[in-house]
Amino acid sequence: MTECSDFPASLQAEITMGLDRDVALGECLSLLTVVVDHETCLRLYPHYAAELDPLLTVAAEMWRVRTPPPRLVSYWTGQDRMLAALACCHPFWHS
């Protein structure tokens, strides 16, 4: 578990000063996927803790849900749609 004190003072200041809630949420979601636990994120952003707590809880629950892999036909259909969209918008993809 990573504690706030494990971060250099300059990083703590950068993380906690002058950020709005959406930026704080984005930072927490990124940190949660790497090294930081839920409680540490709340300590990093004490002024947003009440707002971030339910959002981080929902994110953690969503990450725990196992999703089945897409069916092969869905994969190929999605790839075809993506390539068609690229062909319309990007000259590299034109034949």
Protein backbone atom coordinates (compact mmCIF):
# COMPACT_ATOMS: atom_id res chain seq x y z
CA MET A 1 0.00 0.00 0.00
CA THR A 2 1.34 3.41 -0.98
CA GLU A 3 1.03 6.21 1.55
CA CYS A 4 0.94 9.94 0.83
CA SER A 5 4.30 10.27 2.54
CA ASP A 6 5.77 7.86 -0.04
CA PHE A 7 5.39 10.54 -2.72
CA PRO A 8 7.99 13.33 -2.99
CA ALA A 9 6.78 16.65 -1.53
CA SER A 10 6.90 18.30 -4.96
CA LEU A 11 4.62 15.61 -6.42
CA GLN A 12 2.23 15.87 -3.48
CA ALA A 13 2.01 19.64 -3.98
CA GLU A 14 1.48 19.27 -7.73
CA ILE A 15 -1.18 16.63 -7.25
CA THR A 16 -3.15 18.38 -4.54
CA MET A 17 -2.95 22.06 -5.48
CA GLY A 18 -5.13 23.84 -7.99
CA LEU A 19 -6.92 20.85 -9.45
CA ASP A 20 -10.62 20.71 -10.11
CA ARG A 21 -12.68 17.66 -9.20
CA ASP A 22 -12.65 16.17 -12.71
CA VAL A 23 -8.88 16.34 -12.93
CA ALA A 24 -8.60 14.87 -9.43
CA LEU A 25 -10.93 12.02 -10.46
CA GLY A 26 -8.89 11.34 -13.59
CA GLU A 27 -5.65 11.33 -11.60
CA CYS A 28 -7.13 8.97 -9.01
CA LEU A 29 -8.41 6.57 -11.65
CA SER A 30 -4.97 6.52 -13.26
CA LEU A 31 -3.24 6.02 -9.91
CA LEU A 32 -5.63 3.24 -8.91
CA THR A 33 -4.66 1.22 -11.97
CA VAL A 34 -0.97 1.45 -11.10
CA VAL A 35 0.02 1.60 -7.45
CA VAL A 36 -2.31 3.58 -5.23
CA ASP A 37 -5.26 2.28 -3.24
CA HIS A 38 -8.65 3.95 -2.83
CA GLU A 39 -7.94 5.42 0.61
CA THR A 40 -4.63 6.92 -0.51
CA CYS A 41 -6.37 8.73 -3.37
CA LEU A 42 -8.84 10.20 -0.93
CA ARG A 43 -5.96 11.37 1.27
CA LEU A 44 -4.23 12.92 -1.74
CA TYR A 45 -7.35 14.96 -2.49
CA PRO A 46 -8.91 15.69 0.92
CA HIS A 47 -10.92 18.64 -0.38
CA TYR A 48 -12.65 16.35 -2.92
CA ALA A 49 -12.79 13.19 -0.79
CA ALA A 50 -16.55 13.30 -0.22
CA GLU A 51 -17.19 13.62 -3.96
CA LEU A 52 -14.50 11.19 -5.09
CA ASP A 53 -15.32 8.36 -2.67
CA PRO A 54 -18.54 7.15 -4.35
CA LEU A 55 -17.06 7.60 -7.84
CA LEU A 56 -13.95 5.58 -6.99
CA THR A 57 -16.11 2.91 -5.35
CA VAL A 58 -18.16 2.54 -8.55
CA ALA A 59 -14.98 2.43 -10.65
CA ALA A 60 -13.51 -0.30 -8.45
CA GLU A 61 -16.73 -2.33 -8.72
CA MET A 62 -16.76 -1.95 -12.50
CA TRP A 63 -13.15 -3.13 -12.77
CA ARG A 64 -14.03 -6.26 -10.77
CA VAL A 65 -16.75 -7.29 -13.24
CA ARG A 66 -15.50 -9.85 -15.68
CA THR A 67 -16.74 -9.23 -19.17
CA PRO A 68 -16.89 -12.01 -21.70
CA PRO A 69 -14.74 -11.63 -24.79
CA PRO A 70 -16.63 -10.36 -27.82
CA ARG A 71 -17.97 -12.88 -30.29
CA LEU A 72 -15.71 -13.23 -33.30
CA VAL A 73 -18.34 -11.82 -35.67
CA SER A 74 -18.68 -8.74 -33.44
CA TYR A 75 -14.90 -8.28 -33.45
CA TRP A 76 -14.71 -8.38 -37.26
CA THR A 77 -17.77 -6.13 -37.66
CA GLY A 78 -16.21 -3.58 -35.31
CA GLN A 79 -12.91 -3.74 -37.16
CA ASP A 80 -14.67 -3.23 -40.51
CA ARG A 81 -16.52 -0.19 -39.12
CA MET A 82 -13.31 1.28 -37.73
CA LEU A 83 -11.43 0.82 -41.01
CA ALA A 84 -14.33 2.34 -42.96
CA ALA A 85 -14.33 5.36 -40.66
CA LEU A 86 -10.56 5.73 -41.08
CA ALA A 87 -10.86 5.48 -44.87
CA CYS A 88 -13.32 8.38 -44.88
CA CYS A 89 -11.20 10.64 -42.73
CA HIS A 90 -7.55 9.81 -43.26
CA PRO A 91 -5.74 9.80 -46.63
CA PHE A 92 -3.36 7.02 -45.55
CA TRP A 93 -6.25 4.56 -45.38
CA HIS A 94 -7.59 5.30 -48.88
CA SER A 95 -6.87 2.53 -51.36
